[in-house]
Amino acid sequence: MARLAIRAAEMEDKLEQEDLLNWRRHPVTARFLMALEVWQVGLMEQWASGVFQKDTAQATVEANAAAIGERTCLNRILKLTADEINQILSSGEEDDEELDLANRARTQAARGD
């Protein structure tokens, strides 16, 4: 993780909002962002149709919490601003622990832990 922080710190140019908007308008990026939005809507449709209802209350709570977390993450990514991206990239090594926790959570979710 330290390498990631160093690489981010080496970026001298700040991302400007106009550059981010231009990137979002690029056809490849636009399709990628559309796919994230479709994924987000799909999660909401699954929730509405009861896909996350499980055999036990605890399992239902866990499935719903995972889906809500996934949707929240997708929404957060879709709404990132240039200032937020710059802040994330300039925050340095103090965020390594948070990144490690996020990576562990994704790994556990993928394994179904």
N, C-alpha and C. Protein backbone atom coordinates (compact mmCIF):
# COMPACT_ATOMS: atom_id res chain seq x y z
N MET A 1 0.81 -1.20 0.00
CA MET A 1 0.00 0.00 0.00
C MET A 1 0.85 1.26 0.00
N ALA A 2 2.02 1.20 0.60
CA ALA A 2 2.88 2.37 0.62
C ALA A 2 3.24 2.78 -0.80
N ARG A 3 3.45 1.79 -1.70
CA ARG A 3 3.77 2.11 -3.09
C ARG A 3 2.65 2.90 -3.75
N LEU A 4 1.41 2.54 -3.43
CA LEU A 4 0.27 3.25 -3.98
C LEU A 4 0.28 4.70 -3.50
N ALA A 5 0.55 4.92 -2.24
CA ALA A 5 0.60 6.28 -1.70
C ALA A 5 1.74 7.07 -2.33
N ILE A 6 2.87 6.43 -2.55
CA ILE A 6 4.01 7.12 -3.17
C ILE A 6 3.66 7.49 -4.60
N ARG A 7 3.08 6.56 -5.36
CA ARG A 7 2.71 6.83 -6.74
C ARG A 7 1.71 8.00 -6.80
N ALA A 8 0.75 8.02 -5.90
CA ALA A 8 -0.22 9.10 -5.88
C ALA A 8 0.45 10.42 -5.51
N ALA A 9 1.39 10.37 -4.58
CA ALA A 9 2.09 11.58 -4.16
C ALA A 9 2.95 12.15 -5.28
N GLU A 10 3.42 11.29 -6.19
CA GLU A 10 4.25 11.74 -7.29
C GLU A 10 3.46 12.48 -8.36
N MET A 11 2.15 12.38 -8.33
CA MET A 11 1.32 13.09 -9.30
C MET A 11 1.31 14.57 -8.93
N GLU A 12 1.99 15.35 -9.74
CA GLU A 12 2.11 16.77 -9.43
C GLU A 12 0.87 17.54 -9.85
N ASP A 13 0.28 17.16 -10.96
CA ASP A 13 -0.88 17.89 -11.46
C ASP A 13 -2.14 17.45 -10.74
N LYS A 14 -2.90 18.43 -10.34
CA LYS A 14 -4.20 18.15 -9.74
C LYS A 14 -5.21 17.91 -10.86
N LEU A 15 -6.14 17.04 -10.60
CA LEU A 15 -7.22 16.80 -11.55
C LEU A 15 -8.19 17.97 -11.48
N GLU A 16 -8.48 18.55 -12.62
CA GLU A 16 -9.44 19.65 -12.68
C GLU A 16 -10.83 19.08 -12.98
N GLN A 17 -11.86 19.74 -12.48
CA GLN A 17 -13.22 19.28 -12.69
C GLN A 17 -13.54 19.18 -14.19
N GLU A 18 -13.04 20.13 -14.97
CA GLU A 18 -13.28 20.10 -16.42
C GLU A 18 -12.68 18.84 -17.05
N ASP A 19 -11.47 18.45 -16.59
CA ASP A 19 -10.84 17.23 -17.10
C ASP A 19 -11.66 15.99 -16.74
N LEU A 20 -12.18 15.98 -15.51
CA LEU A 20 -13.01 14.86 -15.08
C LEU A 20 -14.28 14.77 -15.93
N LEU A 21 -14.89 15.91 -16.20
CA LEU A 21 -16.10 15.92 -17.03
C LEU A 21 -15.79 15.46 -18.45
N ASN A 22 -14.66 15.89 -18.99
CA ASN A 22 -14.26 15.43 -20.33
C ASN A 22 -14.04 13.92 -20.34
N TRP A 23 -13.42 13.41 -19.29
CA TRP A 23 -13.19 11.96 -19.17
C TRP A 23 -14.53 11.23 -19.10
N ARG A 24 -15.46 11.77 -18.31
CA ARG A 24 -16.77 11.13 -18.19
C ARG A 24 -17.53 11.13 -19.52
N ARG A 25 -17.28 12.12 -20.36
CA ARG A 25 -17.97 12.20 -21.65
C ARG A 25 -17.36 11.28 -22.71
N HIS A 26 -16.16 10.78 -22.47
CA HIS A 26 -15.53 9.89 -23.45
C HIS A 26 -16.44 8.67 -23.63
N PRO A 27 -16.61 8.19 -24.87
CA PRO A 27 -17.54 7.08 -25.12
C PRO A 27 -17.27 5.82 -24.30
N VAL A 28 -16.01 5.47 -24.11
CA VAL A 28 -15.69 4.28 -23.32
C VAL A 28 -16.06 4.50 -21.86
N THR A 29 -15.68 5.66 -21.34
CA THR A 29 -16.01 5.98 -19.95
C THR A 29 -17.52 6.06 -19.76
N ALA A 30 -18.20 6.68 -20.71
CA ALA A 30 -19.66 6.81 -20.61
C ALA A 30 -20.32 5.44 -20.53
N ARG A 31 -19.83 4.49 -21.33
CA ARG A 31 -20.40 3.13 -21.29
C ARG A 31 -20.09 2.46 -19.95
N PHE A 32 -18.87 2.65 -19.46
CA PHE A 32 -18.48 2.07 -18.17
C PHE A 32 -19.37 2.64 -17.05
N LEU A 33 -19.54 3.95 -17.03
CA LEU A 33 -20.37 4.58 -16.00
C LEU A 33 -21.82 4.14 -16.13
N MET A 34 -22.30 3.96 -17.36
CA MET A 34 -23.66 3.46 -17.58
C MET A 34 -23.78 2.05 -17.00
N ALA A 35 -22.76 1.23 -17.20
CA ALA A 35 -22.79 -0.13 -16.65
C ALA A 35 -22.87 -0.09 -15.13
N LEU A 36 -22.14 0.83 -14.49
CA LEU A 36 -22.22 0.96 -13.03
C LEU A 36 -23.61 1.38 -12.60
N GLU A 37 -24.23 2.29 -13.36
CA GLU A 37 -25.59 2.73 -13.03
C GLU A 37 -26.59 1.59 -13.19
N VAL A 38 -26.44 0.80 -14.25
CA VAL A 38 -27.32 -0.35 -14.47
C VAL A 38 -27.15 -1.36 -13.33
N TRP A 39 -25.91 -1.58 -12.92
CA TRP A 39 -25.62 -2.48 -11.80
C TRP A 39 -26.33 -1.98 -10.55
N GLN A 40 -26.25 -0.68 -10.31
CA GLN A 40 -26.88 -0.08 -9.14
C GLN A 40 -28.40 -0.27 -9.17
N VAL A 41 -29.01 -0.01 -10.30
CA VAL A 41 -30.46 -0.20 -10.46
C VAL A 41 -30.81 -1.67 -10.28
N GLY A 42 -29.98 -2.55 -10.82
CA GLY A 42 -30.20 -3.99 -10.65
C GLY A 42 -30.23 -4.41 -9.19
N LEU A 43 -29.32 -3.85 -8.40
CA LEU A 43 -29.33 -4.15 -6.96
C LEU A 43 -30.64 -3.71 -6.31
N MET A 44 -31.11 -2.53 -6.68
CA MET A 44 -32.37 -2.03 -6.11
C MET A 44 -33.54 -2.90 -6.53
N GLU A 45 -33.53 -3.35 -7.79
CA GLU A 45 -34.60 -4.23 -8.27
C GLU A 45 -34.56 -5.58 -7.56
N GLN A 46 -33.36 -6.09 -7.33
CA GLN A 46 -33.22 -7.35 -6.59
C GLN A 46 -33.77 -7.20 -5.18
N TRP A 47 -33.44 -6.07 -4.55
CA TRP A 47 -33.91 -5.82 -3.19
C TRP A 47 -35.44 -5.77 -3.18
N ALA A 48 -36.01 -5.04 -4.15
CA ALA A 48 -37.47 -4.90 -4.21
C ALA A 48 -38.16 -6.23 -4.45
N SER A 49 -37.50 -7.13 -5.18
CA SER A 49 -38.12 -8.42 -5.47
C SER A 49 -37.84 -9.47 -4.40
N GLY A 50 -37.12 -9.09 -3.35
CA GLY A 50 -36.93 -10.00 -2.22
C GLY A 50 -35.76 -10.95 -2.33
N VAL A 51 -34.85 -10.69 -3.27
CA VAL A 51 -33.70 -11.58 -3.46
C VAL A 51 -32.87 -11.69 -2.18
N PHE A 52 -32.85 -10.63 -1.38
CA PHE A 52 -32.00 -10.62 -0.20
C PHE A 52 -32.71 -11.13 1.05
N GLN A 53 -33.92 -11.67 0.88
CA GLN A 53 -34.62 -12.31 1.99
C GLN A 53 -34.05 -13.72 2.14
N LYS A 54 -33.57 -14.01 3.32
CA LYS A 54 -32.92 -15.31 3.57
C LYS A 54 -33.71 -16.11 4.60
N ASP A 55 -33.19 -17.29 4.94
CA ASP A 55 -33.88 -18.20 5.85
C ASP A 55 -33.95 -17.68 7.28
N THR A 56 -32.95 -16.92 7.68
CA THR A 56 -32.94 -16.39 9.05
C THR A 56 -32.88 -14.88 9.02
N ALA A 57 -33.30 -14.28 10.13
CA ALA A 57 -33.26 -12.81 10.23
C ALA A 57 -31.81 -12.31 10.09
N GLN A 58 -30.89 -13.00 10.74
CA GLN A 58 -29.49 -12.58 10.68
C GLN A 58 -28.94 -12.65 9.25
N ALA A 59 -29.27 -13.71 8.55
CA ALA A 59 -28.81 -13.86 7.17
C ALA A 59 -29.43 -12.78 6.28
N THR A 60 -30.69 -12.44 6.54
CA THR A 60 -31.35 -11.38 5.78
C THR A 60 -30.70 -10.04 6.04
N VAL A 61 -30.41 -9.76 7.31
CA VAL A 61 -29.74 -8.51 7.67
C VAL A 61 -28.39 -8.42 6.98
N GLU A 62 -27.63 -9.51 6.99
CA GLU A 62 -26.30 -9.52 6.38
C GLU A 62 -26.38 -9.34 4.86
N ALA A 63 -27.32 -10.02 4.22
CA ALA A 63 -27.47 -9.90 2.77
C ALA A 63 -27.90 -8.48 2.39
N ASN A 64 -28.83 -7.92 3.14
CA ASN A 64 -29.27 -6.55 2.88
C ASN A 64 -28.15 -5.54 3.12
N ALA A 65 -27.41 -5.74 4.19
CA ALA A 65 -26.30 -4.83 4.50
C ALA A 65 -25.25 -4.87 3.39
N ALA A 66 -24.95 -6.06 2.89
CA ALA A 66 -23.97 -6.18 1.80
C ALA A 66 -24.47 -5.48 0.54
N ALA A 67 -25.74 -5.65 0.22
CA ALA A 67 -26.30 -5.01 -0.97
C ALA A 67 -26.33 -3.49 -0.82
N ILE A 68 -26.71 -3.03 0.37
CA ILE A 68 -26.73 -1.59 0.62
C ILE A 68 -25.32 -1.02 0.53
N GLY A 69 -24.35 -1.74 1.08
CA GLY A 69 -22.96 -1.31 1.00
C GLY A 69 -22.47 -1.24 -0.44
N GLU A 70 -22.84 -2.24 -1.22
CA GLU A 70 -22.44 -2.28 -2.63
C GLU A 70 -23.06 -1.10 -3.39
N ARG A 71 -24.34 -0.86 -3.16
CA ARG A 71 -25.02 0.25 -3.83
C ARG A 71 -24.43 1.58 -3.40
N THR A 72 -24.14 1.73 -2.12
CA THR A 72 -23.55 2.96 -1.61
C THR A 72 -22.19 3.21 -2.25
N CYS A 73 -21.41 2.16 -2.38
CA CYS A 73 -20.09 2.28 -3.00
C CYS A 73 -20.22 2.68 -4.47
N LEU A 74 -21.10 2.03 -5.20
CA LEU A 74 -21.31 2.39 -6.60
C LEU A 74 -21.75 3.85 -6.72
N ASN A 75 -22.68 4.26 -5.89
CA ASN A 75 -23.16 5.63 -5.91
C ASN A 75 -22.03 6.61 -5.62
N ARG A 76 -21.21 6.27 -4.65
CA ARG A 76 -20.08 7.14 -4.27
C ARG A 76 -19.10 7.29 -5.43
N ILE A 77 -18.79 6.19 -6.09
CA ILE A 77 -17.87 6.22 -7.23
C ILE A 77 -18.46 7.08 -8.35
N LEU A 78 -19.72 6.89 -8.63
CA LEU A 78 -20.36 7.63 -9.71
C LEU A 78 -20.41 9.13 -9.46
N LYS A 79 -20.37 9.54 -8.21
CA LYS A 79 -20.51 10.96 -7.88
C LYS A 79 -19.22 11.63 -7.45
N LEU A 80 -18.08 10.93 -7.55
CA LEU A 80 -16.81 11.53 -7.15
C LEU A 80 -16.53 12.81 -7.94
N THR A 81 -16.06 13.82 -7.25
CA THR A 81 -15.67 15.06 -7.90
C THR A 81 -14.15 15.10 -8.03
N ALA A 82 -13.66 16.03 -8.83
CA ALA A 82 -12.22 16.18 -9.00
C ALA A 82 -11.57 16.51 -7.66
N ASP A 83 -12.19 17.38 -6.87
CA ASP A 83 -11.62 17.73 -5.56
C ASP A 83 -11.51 16.52 -4.66
N GLU A 84 -12.54 15.68 -4.67
CA GLU A 84 -12.50 14.46 -3.83
C GLU A 84 -11.40 13.52 -4.31
N ILE A 85 -11.26 13.37 -5.61
CA ILE A 85 -10.20 12.50 -6.15
C ILE A 85 -8.84 13.05 -5.76
N ASN A 86 -8.65 14.35 -5.90
CA ASN A 86 -7.38 14.96 -5.51
C ASN A 86 -7.09 14.76 -4.03
N GLN A 87 -8.12 14.89 -3.21
CA GLN A 87 -7.96 14.71 -1.77
C GLN A 87 -7.57 13.27 -1.45
N ILE A 88 -8.22 12.31 -2.09
CA ILE A 88 -7.90 10.90 -1.88
C ILE A 88 -6.45 10.63 -2.26
N LEU A 89 -6.02 11.16 -3.40
CA LEU A 89 -4.66 10.89 -3.88
C LEU A 89 -3.60 11.64 -3.10
N SER A 90 -3.95 12.72 -2.43
CA SER A 90 -2.96 13.47 -1.68
C SER A 90 -2.94 13.11 -0.20
N SER A 91 -3.81 12.21 0.22
CA SER A 91 -3.93 11.92 1.65
C SER A 91 -2.77 11.10 2.19
N GLY A 92 -2.01 10.41 1.34
CA GLY A 92 -0.80 9.74 1.78
C GLY A 92 -1.02 8.44 2.51
N GLU A 93 -0.03 8.06 3.28
CA GLU A 93 0.02 6.74 3.89
C GLU A 93 -0.98 6.56 5.02
N GLU A 94 -1.50 7.65 5.60
CA GLU A 94 -2.43 7.47 6.71
C GLU A 94 -3.68 6.72 6.29
N ASP A 95 -3.95 6.65 4.98
CA ASP A 95 -5.12 5.93 4.50
C ASP A 95 -4.83 4.46 4.21
N ASP A 96 -3.57 4.03 4.33
CA ASP A 96 -3.23 2.65 4.03
C ASP A 96 -4.04 1.67 4.85
N GLU A 97 -4.26 1.97 6.14
CA GLU A 97 -5.02 1.07 6.99
C GLU A 97 -6.46 0.96 6.49
N GLU A 98 -7.06 2.07 6.10
CA GLU A 98 -8.42 2.04 5.57
C GLU A 98 -8.48 1.24 4.28
N LEU A 99 -7.49 1.40 3.40
CA LEU A 99 -7.45 0.65 2.16
C LEU A 99 -7.30 -0.84 2.45
N ASP A 100 -6.46 -1.19 3.43
CA ASP A 100 -6.30 -2.59 3.81
C ASP A 100 -7.62 -3.18 4.29
N LEU A 101 -8.35 -2.42 5.12
CA LEU A 101 -9.63 -2.89 5.63
C LEU A 101 -10.63 -3.06 4.50
N ALA A 102 -10.66 -2.12 3.57
CA ALA A 102 -11.57 -2.21 2.43
C ALA A 102 -11.23 -3.42 1.57
N ASN A 103 -9.95 -3.66 1.33
CA ASN A 103 -9.53 -4.81 0.53
C ASN A 103 -9.91 -6.12 1.22
N ARG A 104 -9.72 -6.18 2.53
CA ARG A 104 -10.10 -7.38 3.28
C ARG A 104 -11.61 -7.61 3.21
N ALA A 105 -12.39 -6.54 3.34
CA ALA A 105 -13.85 -6.66 3.28
C ALA A 105 -14.28 -7.18 1.91
N ARG A 106 -13.67 -6.67 0.83
CA ARG A 106 -14.02 -7.14 -0.52
C ARG A 106 -13.67 -8.60 -0.69
N THR A 107 -12.51 -9.01 -0.18
CA THR A 107 -12.09 -10.40 -0.28
C THR A 107 -13.05 -11.30 0.47
N GLN A 108 -13.43 -10.91 1.67
CA GLN A 108 -14.37 -11.71 2.46
C GLN A 108 -15.73 -11.79 1.78
N ALA A 109 -16.18 -10.67 1.21
CA ALA A 109 -17.48 -10.67 0.51
C ALA A 109 -17.43 -11.59 -0.70
N ALA A 110 -16.32 -11.57 -1.41
CA ALA A 110 -16.18 -12.42 -2.60
C ALA A 110 -16.19 -13.90 -2.22
N ARG A 111 -15.62 -14.21 -1.07
CA ARG A 111 -15.59 -15.60 -0.60
C ARG A 111 -16.90 -16.00 0.06
N GLY A 112 -17.73 -15.01 0.40
CA GLY A 112 -19.00 -15.30 1.06
C GLY A 112 -18.86 -15.45 2.57
N ASP A 113 -17.76 -14.91 3.14
CA ASP A 113 -17.55 -14.99 4.59
C ASP A 113 -18.52 -14.12 5.34
